[in-house]
Amino acid sequence: MQLTIEKLIYGGDGLAHAPAAEQGGGKAVFLPFVLAGERVQAQVLEEKPGFLRALPAAILEPSSTRTEPQCPYFGQCGGCHYQHAAYPHQLDIKAAILHETIQRIARIEAPTVVAHASPPWHYRNRTRLKIQGGDRFALGYFRFASHHLLPVEQCPLSSPLINRAIAAAWELGRAHLLDSVEEVEFFSNATDDQLLVELNLRPPAAGLRGGSSGRLPNLAQALRQSLPETAGIAVVETADKGGKRARAPRRPPALAGAQQLLYRTGSGDYRVSAGSFFQTNRHLIDDLVQLVTGGECGERAVDLYAGTGLFSLPLAQKFRQLTAVESSPSSFGDLKRNVPVGVTACRQRVEDFLKLPSPAAVDLVVVDPPRSGLGAEAATSLSRFPSSRITYVSCDPATLARDLKTLAAAGFRLQEVHLLDLFPQTFHLESVTKLMR
């Protein structure tokens, strides 16, 4: 069937409607790798009660913003969604999605979205890849819309050092030194000249050559020889629980070198350990920190979901009292190391912290929750918290809008909406919204 793409939606798909005379007449059709206004010949893959899924078999009338993808894996790999769109248009797509999502779900008038661009390539400081061990070794990402491995030998989103690490991993894998490893994660520092490697091991019952750890010392030695920038190699055992994979509760000692990197930013230096969260766009970290903390000052501030202290460190320089809340053991250990003396660091769930009575009014609350957002419990508690200002950092517009609806009902007004493009070429977007009451 022939379709006209009406708009792009969060998740990377384009939206169209099937012609009345065609299969699923009138139903919404979702298809990837298209742009608004394009006329396409679509191949229907699946029909559901309320919609169709399809693929573009041919682009009959391309958008003027369509461009040639730079990665040979684009369209096969599940990692990227927008390489066919010129980068300035990617920003327009994401800004429109963010604005529309806030208005539709939160039912509040959203200010104009201010977009902050990133260098579109080689921006990632952290990359995780799946491994297929044995005689048919492969290293890569999941194929588009599947859980099948797509072998990749380079990634234009990853930093130059990480791409060299990917090449080194292929050589080690062909020598069977990675047979016991299920996933490998590379994390580079700010100057891209040091690397922390995290190996997620297969369960011992996996049966591949070398068992779960038989060749790990040889692997560590070979990796550091082929990639001298490797500062440390950490290991995480993977348990097999009823057919489901889960990380073992305790982390074994470092296989080689350090278990952390020192990440230098304009606000200060951060220790980031294996397993700790840190922002992945190496070009926009300072912009993000400035947007969240710049121009802020006062008596008391609270940093919720503080992670390793990315915002806590600069906030501690601007407020007389700061409380930072983080539940992850690894991130909390880094948080305590990174913030100055005098900051109150609390290792507990945000939901539990917000239930405690606040001893005094708070000038600013910064929240940077996971993709699931605050959730009903935390959002309701935060709406009752004695704070006049909230800065909400989000990586999912739908959960952000859901939480904004709760906060708006409690009297918070949306003042600013910013899009930081931490994830060029993908549908993912980071936003910073500022609220006041």
Protein backbone atom coordinates (compact mmCIF):
# COMPACT_ATOMS: atom_id res chain seq x y z
CA MET A 1 0.00 0.00 0.00
CA GLN A 2 1.03 3.62 -0.53
CA LEU A 3 1.16 5.87 2.54
CA THR A 4 1.87 9.48 3.36
CA ILE A 5 3.81 9.89 6.59
CA GLU A 6 2.04 12.35 8.87
CA LYS A 7 4.62 12.73 11.64
CA LEU A 8 7.25 10.88 13.64
CA ILE A 9 6.44 9.58 17.12
CA TYR A 10 8.55 8.70 20.13
CA GLY A 11 10.24 5.37 19.51
CA GLY A 12 11.48 6.19 16.01
CA ASP A 13 8.45 5.21 13.94
CA GLY A 14 6.54 7.30 11.46
CA LEU A 15 2.76 7.50 11.68
CA ALA A 16 0.43 7.12 8.70
CA HIS A 17 -3.12 5.85 8.14
CA ALA A 18 -4.05 3.03 5.80
CA PRO A 19 -6.24 4.03 2.83
CA ALA A 20 -9.86 2.98 3.22
CA ALA A 21 -9.65 0.49 0.34
CA GLU A 22 -6.49 -1.22 1.62
CA GLN A 23 -5.79 -3.81 4.32
CA GLY A 24 -6.77 -2.37 7.70
CA GLY A 25 -8.44 0.60 6.04
CA GLY A 26 -8.29 3.70 8.25
CA LYS A 27 -6.06 2.12 10.87
CA ALA A 28 -2.91 3.78 12.11
CA VAL A 29 0.24 2.41 10.49
CA PHE A 30 3.63 2.54 12.21
CA LEU A 31 6.80 2.12 10.17
CA PRO A 32 10.48 2.93 10.75
CA PHE A 33 13.10 4.81 8.69
CA VAL A 34 10.68 7.34 7.20
CA LEU A 35 10.20 11.10 7.56
CA ALA A 36 7.16 13.35 7.83
CA GLY A 37 5.63 14.26 4.45
CA GLU A 38 7.18 11.36 2.58
CA ARG A 39 5.18 9.18 0.23
CA VAL A 40 6.20 5.54 0.61
CA GLN A 41 5.33 2.11 -0.68
CA ALA A 42 4.78 0.08 2.50
CA GLN A 43 4.92 -3.64 3.15
CA VAL A 44 2.57 -4.67 5.96
CA LEU A 45 4.25 -6.97 8.49
CA GLU A 46 1.61 -7.31 11.18
CA GLU A 47 -2.01 -6.35 11.80
CA LYS A 48 -3.26 -5.71 15.31
CA PRO A 49 -6.83 -4.82 16.37
CA GLY A 50 -6.05 -1.10 16.37
CA PHE A 51 -3.03 -0.62 14.11
CA LEU A 52 -0.66 -2.04 11.50
CA ARG A 53 3.11 -2.42 11.52
CA ALA A 54 4.92 -2.06 8.22
CA LEU A 55 8.26 -1.47 6.53
CA PRO A 56 8.97 1.06 3.78
CA ALA A 57 9.60 -1.02 0.65
CA ALA A 58 10.33 2.12 -1.40
CA ILE A 59 10.50 5.86 -0.80
CA LEU A 60 8.37 7.28 -3.61
CA GLU A 61 8.61 10.96 -2.63
CA PRO A 62 11.52 11.60 -0.24
CA SER A 63 11.70 14.46 2.23
CA SER A 64 14.14 17.28 1.49
CA THR A 65 15.69 16.52 4.89
CA ARG A 66 16.48 12.89 3.99
CA THR A 67 20.21 12.14 3.89
CA GLU A 68 22.50 9.17 3.31
CA PRO A 69 23.21 7.15 6.48
CA GLN A 70 26.89 7.08 7.47
CA CYS A 71 26.89 3.65 9.12
CA PRO A 72 26.90 0.45 7.02
CA TYR A 73 24.76 -1.27 9.67
CA PHE A 74 21.96 1.30 9.69
CA GLY A 75 18.59 -0.32 9.10
CA GLN A 76 19.85 -3.68 10.34
CA CYS A 77 21.10 -2.55 13.75
CA GLY A 78 18.62 -1.71 16.50
CA GLY A 79 20.78 1.07 17.93
CA CYS A 80 20.03 3.96 15.54
CA HIS A 81 16.73 5.28 14.16
CA TYR A 82 17.38 8.67 12.53
CA GLN A 83 20.55 8.37 10.45
CA HIS A 84 18.41 8.94 7.36
CA ALA A 85 17.51 12.44 8.64
CA ALA A 86 19.83 15.45 8.40
CA TYR A 87 21.00 16.28 11.90
CA PRO A 88 19.25 19.69 12.25
CA HIS A 89 15.99 17.96 11.34
CA GLN A 90 16.59 15.35 14.03
CA LEU A 91 16.49 18.19 16.57
CA ASP A 92 13.21 19.45 15.09
CA ILE A 93 11.71 15.96 15.31
CA LYS A 94 12.66 15.53 18.96
CA ALA A 95 11.59 19.04 19.99
CA ALA A 96 8.17 18.50 18.40
CA ILE A 97 7.75 15.11 20.10
CA LEU A 98 8.73 16.52 23.50
CA HIS A 99 6.39 19.52 23.19
CA GLU A 100 3.44 17.47 21.95
CA THR A 101 3.90 14.76 24.59
CA ILE A 102 3.88 17.26 27.45
CA GLN A 103 0.74 18.97 26.17
CA ARG A 104 -1.10 15.72 25.38
CA ILE A 105 -0.34 13.78 28.58
CA ALA A 106 0.21 16.51 31.18
CA ARG A 107 -2.55 18.68 29.66
CA ILE A 108 -0.59 21.84 30.32
CA GLU A 109 0.63 24.50 27.92
CA ALA A 110 4.33 23.85 27.33
CA PRO A 111 6.74 26.70 26.60
CA THR A 112 8.74 26.62 23.38
CA VAL A 113 11.34 23.87 23.55
CA VAL A 114 14.92 25.16 23.51
CA ALA A 115 17.15 22.65 21.67
CA HIS A 116 20.83 22.09 22.51
CA ALA A 117 22.72 20.27 19.75
CA SER A 118 25.56 17.78 20.09
CA PRO A 119 28.31 16.76 17.70
CA PRO A 120 26.35 14.05 15.88
CA TRP A 121 29.04 11.34 15.75
CA HIS A 122 31.53 9.66 18.12
CA TYR A 123 29.83 11.17 21.16
CA ARG A 124 29.37 8.11 23.37
CA ASN A 125 31.77 7.53 26.26
CA ARG A 126 30.11 4.23 27.19
CA THR A 127 29.22 1.32 24.90
CA ARG A 128 27.95 -2.15 25.75
CA LEU A 129 28.09 -5.02 23.26
CA LYS A 130 26.79 -8.58 23.24
CA ILE A 131 29.14 -11.49 22.61
CA GLN A 132 28.61 -14.81 20.88
CA GLY A 133 31.40 -17.12 21.97
CA GLY A 134 32.86 -20.26 20.52
CA ASP A 135 34.03 -21.05 17.00
CA ARG A 136 31.49 -18.63 15.51
CA PHE A 137 32.57 -15.69 17.61
CA ALA A 138 30.73 -12.41 17.06
CA LEU A 139 30.53 -9.09 18.83
CA GLY A 140 27.75 -6.58 18.29
CA TYR A 141 24.27 -5.25 19.01
CA PHE A 142 20.80 -6.71 18.63
CA ARG A 143 19.34 -6.56 15.15
CA PHE A 144 16.51 -4.11 14.57
CA ALA A 145 13.26 -5.27 16.26
CA SER A 146 14.82 -8.54 17.46
CA HIS A 147 17.03 -10.17 20.08
CA HIS A 148 19.33 -11.72 17.50
CA LEU A 149 22.93 -10.61 17.39
CA LEU A 150 24.16 -8.41 14.56
CA PRO A 151 27.98 -8.55 14.33
CA VAL A 152 29.49 -5.05 14.16
CA GLU A 153 33.14 -4.12 13.83
CA GLN A 154 32.77 -0.36 14.33
CA CYS A 155 30.23 2.08 15.75
CA PRO A 156 30.18 5.72 14.60
CA LEU A 157 28.35 6.77 17.78
CA SER A 158 31.16 5.57 20.04
CA SER A 159 34.33 7.49 20.85
CA PRO A 160 37.51 6.82 18.84
CA LEU A 161 39.09 4.95 21.77
CA ILE A 162 36.03 2.74 22.17
CA ASN A 163 36.13 1.93 18.46
CA ARG A 164 39.74 0.82 18.86
CA ALA A 165 38.62 -1.29 21.81
CA ILE A 166 35.94 -2.92 19.65
CA ALA A 167 38.58 -3.83 17.07
CA ALA A 168 40.82 -5.27 19.80
CA ALA A 169 37.90 -7.31 21.19
CA TRP A 170 37.35 -8.91 17.78
CA GLU A 171 40.96 -10.08 17.72
CA LEU A 172 40.73 -11.47 21.25
CA GLY A 173 37.43 -13.17 20.47
CA ARG A 174 38.83 -14.93 17.43
CA ALA A 175 41.53 -16.31 19.76
CA HIS A 176 38.75 -17.68 22.06
CA LEU A 177 39.76 -15.39 24.92
CA LEU A 178 36.22 -14.01 25.21
CA ASP A 179 34.34 -17.32 25.21
CA SER A 180 33.36 -16.96 28.88
CA VAL A 181 32.09 -13.38 28.42
CA GLU A 182 28.45 -12.62 27.64
CA GLU A 183 28.69 -8.83 27.40
CA VAL A 184 31.51 -6.31 27.38
CA GLU A 185 31.16 -2.65 28.32
CA PHE A 186 33.72 0.03 27.50
CA PHE A 187 33.78 3.33 29.39
CA SER A 188 36.22 6.06 28.38
CA ASN A 189 37.25 9.14 30.32
CA ALA A 190 36.67 12.76 29.31
CA THR A 191 39.84 13.03 27.22
CA ASP A 192 39.24 9.61 25.62
CA ASP A 193 42.69 8.32 26.58
CA GLN A 194 41.77 5.90 29.40
CA LEU A 195 39.37 2.99 29.33
CA LEU A 196 37.51 0.98 31.96
CA VAL A 197 36.36 -2.43 30.75
CA GLU A 198 33.53 -4.36 32.40
CA LEU A 199 33.05 -8.03 31.55
CA ASN A 200 29.74 -9.74 32.25
CA LEU A 201 30.46 -13.47 32.49
CA ARG A 202 28.27 -16.30 31.32
CA PRO A 203 26.88 -18.71 33.92
CA PRO A 204 29.26 -21.64 34.55
CA ALA A 205 26.71 -23.99 32.98
CA ALA A 206 26.95 -22.25 29.60
CA GLY A 207 29.44 -24.91 28.49
CA LEU A 208 31.67 -22.80 26.27
CA ARG A 209 35.40 -23.34 26.05
CA GLY A 210 37.25 -22.09 29.14
CA GLY A 211 34.35 -22.31 31.63
CA SER A 212 33.28 -19.13 33.37
CA SER A 213 36.72 -17.76 34.15
CA GLY A 214 39.44 -20.15 33.00
CA ARG A 215 41.00 -17.77 30.52
CA LEU A 216 40.34 -14.47 32.23
CA PRO A 217 43.96 -13.83 33.31
CA ASN A 218 45.13 -14.42 29.73
CA LEU A 219 42.33 -12.15 28.49
CA ALA A 220 43.34 -9.36 30.86
CA GLN A 221 46.97 -9.55 29.81
CA ALA A 222 46.16 -9.64 26.09
CA LEU A 223 43.68 -6.77 26.33
CA ARG A 224 46.11 -4.49 28.14
CA GLN A 225 48.84 -5.36 25.65
CA SER A 226 46.68 -4.61 22.61
CA LEU A 227 45.07 -1.55 24.23
CA PRO A 228 47.51 0.15 26.66
CA GLU A 229 44.86 2.78 27.47
CA THR A 230 43.02 0.13 29.52
CA ALA A 231 43.12 1.48 33.08
CA GLY A 232 41.24 -1.44 34.58
CA ILE A 233 39.12 -4.52 33.94
CA ALA A 234 36.20 -5.37 36.21
CA VAL A 235 34.21 -8.60 36.27
CA VAL A 236 30.53 -9.27 36.98
CA GLU A 237 29.28 -12.84 37.29
CA THR A 238 25.93 -13.56 35.63
CA ALA A 239 23.62 -15.95 37.44
CA ASP A 240 21.08 -18.15 35.66
CA LYS A 241 17.76 -18.08 37.53
CA GLY A 242 15.14 -20.27 35.93
CA GLY A 243 16.26 -19.41 32.43
CA LYS A 244 16.56 -15.70 33.19
CA ARG A 245 19.93 -13.96 33.45
CA ALA A 246 20.68 -11.74 36.44
CA ARG A 247 23.79 -10.15 37.86
CA ALA A 248 25.22 -11.91 40.90
CA PRO A 249 24.75 -9.88 44.08
CA ARG A 250 28.47 -9.47 44.77
CA ARG A 251 31.13 -8.15 42.46
CA PRO A 252 34.44 -10.11 42.43
CA PRO A 253 37.67 -8.13 42.77
CA ALA A 254 39.03 -6.26 39.77
CA LEU A 255 40.56 -8.57 37.19
CA ALA A 256 43.29 -6.04 36.42
CA GLY A 257 44.06 -2.45 37.31
CA ALA A 258 41.53 -0.06 38.81
CA GLN A 259 37.77 -0.49 39.03
CA GLN A 260 37.09 3.17 38.38
CA LEU A 261 38.00 6.10 36.15
CA LEU A 262 38.52 9.75 37.02
CA TYR A 263 36.18 11.77 34.80
CA ARG A 264 37.14 15.44 34.53
CA THR A 265 34.45 18.07 33.85
CA GLY A 266 34.20 21.83 34.07
CA SER A 267 32.62 21.46 37.52
CA GLY A 268 35.28 19.16 38.93
CA ASP A 269 36.61 15.62 38.90
CA TYR A 270 34.38 12.59 39.43
CA ARG A 271 35.31 9.05 40.37
CA VAL A 272 33.12 6.71 38.34
CA SER A 273 33.33 3.03 39.26
CA ALA A 274 32.37 0.03 37.17
CA GLY A 275 28.62 -0.36 37.49
CA SER A 276 27.98 3.29 38.39
CA PHE A 277 25.80 5.53 36.22
CA PHE A 278 27.32 8.50 34.40
CA GLN A 279 26.04 10.50 31.45
CA THR A 280 27.13 9.00 28.13
CA ASN A 281 27.47 12.03 25.83
CA ARG A 282 31.05 13.17 26.35
CA HIS A 283 30.44 16.48 24.55
CA LEU A 284 27.37 17.77 26.44
CA ILE A 285 28.11 16.91 30.06
CA ASP A 286 29.23 20.44 30.91
CA ASP A 287 26.23 21.92 29.06
CA LEU A 288 23.87 19.67 31.02
CA VAL A 289 25.44 20.60 34.35
CA GLN A 290 25.35 24.30 33.52
CA LEU A 291 21.70 24.12 32.45
CA VAL A 292 20.67 22.34 35.67
CA THR A 293 22.80 24.22 38.19
CA GLY A 294 23.82 27.51 36.51
CA GLY A 295 22.33 30.61 38.11
CA GLU A 296 21.06 28.63 41.10
CA CYS A 297 21.88 29.56 44.70
CA GLY A 298 20.23 29.63 48.09
CA GLU A 299 20.05 28.12 51.53
CA ARG A 300 19.00 24.49 50.94
CA ALA A 301 18.91 22.16 47.95
CA VAL A 302 18.12 18.48 47.46
CA ASP A 303 19.52 16.27 44.67
CA LEU A 304 17.35 13.18 44.13
CA TYR A 305 18.66 10.19 42.14
CA ALA A 306 22.06 11.82 42.60
CA GLY A 307 24.10 9.04 40.98
CA THR A 308 27.81 9.73 41.29
CA GLY A 309 27.12 13.38 42.12
CA LEU A 310 27.17 15.03 38.70
CA PHE A 311 24.84 17.79 39.92
CA SER A 312 25.63 17.48 43.63
CA LEU A 313 29.20 18.70 43.27
CA PRO A 314 28.33 22.07 41.67
CA LEU A 315 25.19 22.47 43.79
CA ALA A 316 27.31 22.11 46.93
CA GLN A 317 29.20 25.21 45.84
CA LYS A 318 25.99 27.24 45.44
CA PHE A 319 23.89 26.25 48.47
CA ARG A 320 24.74 26.35 52.16
CA GLN A 321 23.14 22.94 52.71
CA LEU A 322 22.79 20.09 50.22
CA THR A 323 21.24 16.66 50.62
CA ALA A 324 22.02 14.05 47.93
CA VAL A 325 19.95 10.86 47.72
CA GLU A 326 21.04 7.72 45.85
CA SER A 327 20.09 4.05 46.33
CA SER A 328 22.64 2.22 44.11
CA PRO A 329 25.55 0.90 46.25
CA SER A 330 28.13 1.51 43.53
CA SER A 331 26.96 5.01 42.64
CA PHE A 332 26.53 5.93 46.29
CA GLY A 333 30.13 4.98 47.03
CA ASP A 334 31.27 7.30 44.25
CA LEU A 335 28.87 10.02 45.41
CA LYS A 336 30.40 10.11 48.88
CA ARG A 337 33.87 10.31 47.34
CA ASN A 338 32.92 13.07 44.87
CA VAL A 339 31.02 15.57 47.01
CA PRO A 340 32.73 17.91 49.50
CA VAL A 341 32.59 17.53 53.26
CA GLY A 342 29.35 18.96 54.59
CA VAL A 343 27.04 17.43 51.98
CA THR A 344 24.51 15.04 53.51
CA ALA A 345 24.60 11.88 51.39
CA CYS A 346 21.70 9.47 51.97
CA ARG A 347 21.69 5.95 50.64
CA GLN A 348 17.99 5.19 50.33
CA ARG A 349 15.13 5.08 47.87
CA VAL A 350 13.77 8.45 46.83
CA GLU A 351 10.27 7.26 47.75
CA ASP A 352 11.42 6.62 51.32
CA PHE A 353 13.34 9.89 51.59
CA LEU A 354 10.34 11.94 50.49
CA LYS A 355 8.18 10.36 53.20
CA LEU A 356 10.43 11.85 55.89
CA PRO A 357 9.41 15.23 57.32
CA SER A 358 11.58 18.03 55.96
CA PRO A 359 13.12 20.12 58.76
CA ALA A 360 12.96 23.35 56.72
CA ALA A 361 11.90 24.78 53.39
CA VAL A 362 14.01 23.83 50.38
CA ASP A 363 14.93 26.33 47.67
CA LEU A 364 15.57 23.81 44.89
CA VAL A 365 14.99 20.11 44.23
CA VAL A 366 16.82 18.47 41.32
CA VAL A 367 15.46 15.12 40.15
CA ASP A 368 17.12 12.86 37.57
CA PRO A 369 15.13 9.60 37.71
CA PRO A 370 15.56 6.51 35.52
CA ARG A 371 13.51 6.03 32.36
CA SER A 372 10.49 4.98 34.43
CA GLY A 373 10.31 8.48 35.90
CA LEU A 374 9.25 9.38 39.42
CA GLY A 375 6.14 7.24 39.48
CA ALA A 376 2.91 8.00 41.32
CA GLU A 377 4.28 7.61 44.85
CA ALA A 378 7.38 9.78 44.46
CA ALA A 379 5.63 12.39 42.29
CA THR A 380 2.83 12.80 44.83
CA SER A 381 5.29 13.09 47.71
CA LEU A 382 7.42 15.58 45.77
CA SER A 383 4.35 17.69 45.02
CA ARG A 384 3.89 18.06 48.79
CA PHE A 385 7.57 18.66 49.54
CA PRO A 386 8.35 22.16 50.89
CA SER A 387 10.17 23.40 47.79
CA SER A 388 9.47 26.37 45.57
CA ARG A 389 11.52 25.18 42.56
CA ILE A 390 12.03 21.81 40.85
CA THR A 391 14.41 21.02 38.00
CA TYR A 392 13.46 17.71 36.38
CA VAL A 393 16.02 15.91 34.19
CA SER A 394 14.32 13.20 32.11
CA CYS A 395 15.23 10.64 29.47
CA ASP A 396 11.63 9.69 28.61
CA PRO A 397 9.04 12.30 27.55
CA ALA A 398 6.02 10.13 28.39
CA THR A 399 6.98 9.45 32.01
CA LEU A 400 8.08 13.08 32.35
CA ALA A 401 4.69 14.32 31.16
CA ARG A 402 2.88 11.93 33.50
CA ASP A 403 4.86 13.29 36.49
CA LEU A 404 4.43 16.90 35.36
CA LYS A 405 0.66 16.41 35.46
CA THR A 406 0.90 15.48 39.15
CA LEU A 407 3.19 18.40 39.96
CA ALA A 408 1.04 20.87 38.02
CA ALA A 409 -2.03 19.78 39.97
CA ALA A 410 -0.15 20.76 43.14
CA GLY A 411 0.50 24.28 41.88
CA PHE A 412 3.84 23.99 40.08
CA ARG A 413 4.07 26.00 36.85
CA LEU A 414 6.23 24.92 33.94
CA GLN A 415 8.75 27.70 33.27
CA GLU A 416 11.30 26.25 30.83
CA VAL A 417 11.64 23.17 28.61
CA HIS A 418 15.03 22.23 27.18
CA LEU A 419 15.96 19.42 24.83
CA LEU A 420 19.56 18.25 25.18
CA ASP A 421 20.40 15.93 22.35
CA LEU A 422 22.54 13.47 24.28
CA PHE A 423 21.69 10.70 21.80
CA PRO A 424 22.01 11.87 18.15
CA GLN A 425 20.93 9.41 15.43
CA THR A 426 18.53 7.71 17.89
CA PHE A 427 14.98 8.47 19.03
CA HIS A 428 16.15 8.88 22.63
CA LEU A 429 16.06 12.38 24.04
CA GLU A 430 17.11 14.06 27.26
CA SER A 431 15.15 17.00 28.59
CA VAL A 432 15.47 19.52 31.41
CA THR A 433 12.27 21.16 32.64
CA LYS A 434 12.14 23.88 35.29
CA LEU A 435 9.09 24.36 37.52
CA MET A 436 8.14 26.97 40.11
CA ARG A 437 5.26 27.65 42.49
